[in-house]
Amino acid sequence: MNVENKPGYFSDIIIHCDKKAHNVNTLLDLRGCTFAYSDEESLSGSKLVLKTLKEKGENASFFGSLLKSGSHLSSAQMVLSKQADWAAVDSTTLLNSRKFMYDGGKDILTLETLGRLPPYPVVVNSKLKVETKKAITNALLSLPLTSKWKNKFARFGVIKFEANSDVAYDGPAAQVWAIQTEKLNVRYY
C-alpha cells in the first residue's frame, strides 16, 4: 500500500494462508522454503527481495528452491496451489489479478510489503507532435482530480499521475539499482 502517497509501486511477499498455522510471520521465517519468482530481472519479483535479504544479512542461500514462473500471476497461482511456499509479486498486479485466480485469491496472504519502487512510466511514440504529448500529459495529470476518474483509477490501484522527473527516482526507489548484479542462484564448489 502506498502510505507515503509518492510515485512508485511495491512488492508484496505472499504466502498461502496455511503458512500462518506454521508460525510464518516475517520474511525471515521463510528461510529454506520454495520461492516462486516471475523473472530474474524483475524488480518487484526478485531484485527487491534480494536487496531486502542482503540488508538483513542474508544472501541467495536463503532460498530452499527456486521456481521461475514467468509472470507475477503465475507466481501467485503457484502459491495458491502450494507448488511454492511464497512469492514476491508486484502489488498492483496482485490487486488486479485476483479475479483471474481459481479461488479469487482468497487464500493468499500478504506477509510483508517491500518497496517503494520507481514509478511505472507512461510512454508515447516519440514521433508525436509536442502539442499532442503535452495534451496527453495534461489529461493524465488532471483526470484523477475528478471524482469519476479518481474512482475508476482506484480500482486499479492508481492514486494519481505525476509529470516525469528525476525526483520520482530518488530515495528508496533509487536504491534498487544498486543490486542489479545480485542473482537468485548460488554456486557451490
Protein backbone atom coordinates (compact mmCIF):
# COMPACT_ATOMS: atom_id res chain seq x y z
CA MET A 1 0.00 0.00 0.00
CA ASN A 2 1.30 3.43 -0.91
CA VAL A 3 1.04 5.07 2.52
CA GLU A 4 3.58 7.74 1.54
CA ASN A 5 1.41 8.82 -1.42
CA LYS A 6 4.56 9.09 -3.54
CA PRO A 7 5.12 7.89 -7.10
CA GLY A 8 6.00 4.24 -7.29
CA TYR A 9 4.81 0.74 -6.63
CA PHE A 10 5.54 -2.06 -4.19
CA SER A 11 6.32 -5.75 -3.94
CA ASP A 12 4.06 -7.96 -1.83
CA ILE A 13 5.55 -11.03 -0.16
CA ILE A 14 2.71 -13.53 -0.39
CA ILE A 15 2.10 -16.89 1.26
CA HIS A 16 -0.76 -19.37 1.33
CA CYS A 17 -2.97 -18.81 4.39
CA ASP A 18 -1.97 -22.29 5.65
CA LYS A 19 1.56 -20.98 6.28
CA LYS A 20 0.29 -18.80 9.16
CA ALA A 21 -0.51 -22.01 11.06
CA HIS A 22 3.19 -22.91 10.78
CA ASN A 23 4.33 -19.72 12.56
CA VAL A 24 5.36 -17.87 9.42
CA ASN A 25 5.12 -14.23 10.44
CA THR A 26 8.02 -12.47 8.73
CA LEU A 27 10.10 -12.78 5.59
CA LEU A 28 12.94 -14.38 7.57
CA ASP A 29 10.61 -17.19 8.66
CA LEU A 30 10.63 -18.34 5.02
CA ARG A 31 14.29 -19.48 5.11
CA GLY A 32 14.65 -22.75 3.22
CA CYS A 33 11.19 -22.53 1.64
CA THR A 34 10.38 -22.75 -2.07
CA PHE A 35 10.29 -19.32 -3.72
CA ALA A 36 8.36 -18.61 -6.95
CA TYR A 37 9.59 -15.64 -8.95
CA SER A 38 8.44 -14.18 -12.24
CA ASP A 39 11.84 -13.42 -13.76
CA GLU A 40 15.39 -12.90 -12.51
CA GLU A 41 15.37 -9.30 -13.77
CA SER A 42 12.02 -8.34 -12.20
CA LEU A 43 12.41 -5.50 -9.69
CA SER A 44 9.36 -6.49 -7.66
CA GLY A 45 9.56 -10.24 -8.32
CA SER A 46 13.18 -10.88 -7.35
CA LYS A 47 15.57 -7.89 -7.18
CA LEU A 48 13.87 -6.15 -4.25
CA VAL A 49 13.70 -9.46 -2.36
CA LEU A 50 17.46 -9.90 -2.83
CA LYS A 51 18.07 -6.31 -1.68
CA THR A 52 15.92 -6.81 1.42
CA LEU A 53 17.55 -10.13 2.29
CA LYS A 54 21.01 -8.59 1.85
CA GLU A 55 20.05 -5.78 4.26
CA LYS A 56 19.04 -8.47 6.77
CA GLY A 57 22.41 -10.21 6.43
CA GLU A 58 21.18 -12.95 4.08
CA ASN A 59 22.08 -13.98 0.54
CA ALA A 60 20.70 -16.28 -2.16
CA SER A 61 21.42 -19.35 0.00
CA PHE A 62 18.33 -18.23 1.95
CA PHE A 63 16.10 -19.91 -0.64
CA GLY A 64 15.25 -23.60 -0.34
CA SER A 65 14.47 -23.97 -4.01
CA LEU A 66 13.54 -21.61 -6.81
CA LEU A 67 10.69 -21.85 -9.31
CA LYS A 68 10.68 -19.48 -12.27
CA SER A 69 7.03 -18.84 -13.09
CA GLY A 70 7.27 -16.40 -16.00
CA SER A 71 4.74 -13.90 -14.58
CA HIS A 72 3.53 -12.41 -11.31
CA LEU A 73 0.11 -14.02 -11.79
CA SER A 74 1.75 -17.43 -12.30
CA SER A 75 3.82 -16.92 -9.14
CA ALA A 76 0.64 -16.19 -7.18
CA GLN A 77 -1.04 -19.26 -8.68
CA MET A 78 1.95 -21.39 -7.59
CA VAL A 79 1.47 -20.15 -4.02
CA LEU A 80 -2.27 -20.86 -4.20
CA SER A 81 -1.70 -24.40 -5.49
CA LYS A 82 1.11 -24.89 -2.93
CA GLN A 83 3.73 -25.59 -5.59
CA ALA A 84 5.65 -22.74 -3.95
CA ASP A 85 5.69 -21.62 -0.34
CA TRP A 86 5.99 -17.95 -1.17
CA ALA A 87 6.44 -15.38 -3.89
CA ALA A 88 7.13 -11.70 -4.36
CA VAL A 89 4.65 -10.06 -6.70
CA ASP A 90 4.01 -6.56 -7.97
CA SER A 91 1.36 -5.15 -5.61
CA THR A 92 -0.60 -3.56 -8.44
CA THR A 93 -0.62 -6.83 -10.36
CA LEU A 94 -1.81 -8.72 -7.29
CA LEU A 95 -4.63 -6.23 -6.75
CA ASN A 96 -5.80 -6.54 -10.34
CA SER A 97 -5.25 -10.25 -10.94
CA ARG A 98 -7.12 -11.87 -8.05
CA LYS A 99 -10.18 -12.20 -10.29
CA PHE A 100 -8.17 -14.48 -12.59
CA MET A 101 -7.12 -16.84 -9.79
CA TYR A 102 -9.03 -20.06 -9.36
CA ASP A 103 -10.34 -19.13 -5.92
CA GLY A 104 -10.30 -15.37 -6.37
CA GLY A 105 -7.05 -15.31 -4.41
CA LYS A 106 -8.85 -15.59 -1.08
CA ASP A 107 -6.21 -17.98 0.31
CA ILE A 108 -3.33 -15.59 -0.42
CA LEU A 109 -1.98 -13.55 2.47
CA THR A 110 0.38 -10.62 2.14
CA LEU A 111 3.08 -11.28 4.71
CA GLU A 112 5.09 -8.09 4.10
CA THR A 113 5.18 -5.26 1.60
CA LEU A 114 8.58 -4.18 0.28
CA GLY A 115 9.45 -1.00 -1.52
CA ARG A 116 8.84 1.76 -2.84
CA LEU A 117 9.99 1.01 -6.38
CA PRO A 118 10.40 3.53 -9.21
CA PRO A 119 7.08 4.52 -10.80
CA TYR A 120 5.77 2.96 -13.97
CA PRO A 121 6.41 5.32 -16.87
CA VAL A 122 3.72 6.23 -19.37
CA VAL A 123 5.39 6.27 -22.77
CA VAL A 124 4.19 7.64 -26.08
CA ASN A 125 5.51 7.48 -29.60
CA SER A 126 8.46 9.84 -29.95
CA LYS A 127 7.14 10.92 -33.36
CA LEU A 128 4.03 12.52 -31.86
CA LYS A 129 3.84 16.29 -32.05
CA VAL A 130 4.92 18.16 -28.92
CA GLU A 131 1.40 19.60 -28.58
CA THR A 132 -0.11 16.09 -28.61
CA LYS A 133 2.35 14.89 -25.97
CA LYS A 134 1.51 17.89 -23.78
CA ALA A 135 -2.23 17.28 -24.23
CA ILE A 136 -1.83 13.64 -23.16
CA THR A 137 0.28 14.67 -20.16
CA ASN A 138 -2.22 17.33 -19.08
CA ALA A 139 -5.14 14.93 -19.46
CA LEU A 140 -3.47 12.26 -17.32
CA LEU A 141 -2.47 14.81 -14.68
CA SER A 142 -6.00 16.21 -14.40
CA LEU A 143 -8.18 13.10 -14.72
CA PRO A 144 -7.63 11.72 -11.18
CA LEU A 145 -8.73 15.09 -9.79
CA THR A 146 -12.33 14.42 -10.82
CA SER A 147 -14.28 12.03 -8.58
CA LYS A 148 -15.49 9.97 -11.55
CA TRP A 149 -12.00 9.21 -12.81
CA LYS A 150 -10.46 9.01 -9.33
CA ASN A 151 -12.83 6.13 -8.54
CA LYS A 152 -12.12 4.42 -11.86
CA PHE A 153 -8.35 4.61 -11.36
CA ALA A 154 -8.62 3.49 -7.71
CA ARG A 155 -9.97 0.11 -8.84
CA PHE A 156 -6.56 -0.46 -10.44
CA GLY A 157 -4.52 0.86 -7.51
CA VAL A 158 -3.72 4.14 -9.26
CA ILE A 159 -3.86 7.18 -6.99
CA LYS A 160 -2.68 9.81 -9.43
CA PHE A 161 -0.24 10.59 -12.22
CA GLU A 162 2.76 12.87 -11.90
CA ALA A 163 4.92 14.52 -14.50
CA ASN A 164 8.09 12.54 -15.00
CA SER A 165 11.11 13.91 -13.15
CA ASP A 166 14.32 12.69 -11.60
CA VAL A 167 12.83 13.25 -8.13
CA ALA A 168 10.47 10.29 -8.63
CA TYR A 169 13.53 8.05 -8.86
CA ASP A 170 15.30 9.38 -5.74
CA GLY A 171 15.34 7.90 -2.26
CA PRO A 172 14.36 4.29 -1.56
CA ALA A 173 13.22 3.72 -5.12
CA ALA A 174 16.66 4.51 -6.50
CA GLN A 175 18.41 2.13 -4.12
CA VAL A 176 17.15 -0.84 -6.13
CA TRP A 177 19.59 -0.01 -8.91
CA ALA A 178 22.45 -0.83 -6.54
CA ILE A 179 21.56 -4.54 -6.57
CA GLN A 180 21.24 -5.10 -10.31
CA THR A 181 24.13 -7.58 -10.18
CA GLU A 182 22.54 -9.72 -7.45
CA LYS A 183 21.43 -13.16 -8.63
CA LEU A 184 18.98 -15.67 -7.23
CA ASN A 185 21.19 -18.72 -7.69
CA VAL A 186 24.34 -19.52 -5.76
CA ARG A 187 27.08 -21.86 -6.96
CA TYR A 188 28.87 -24.12 -4.53
CA TYR A 189 32.22 -25.75 -5.30
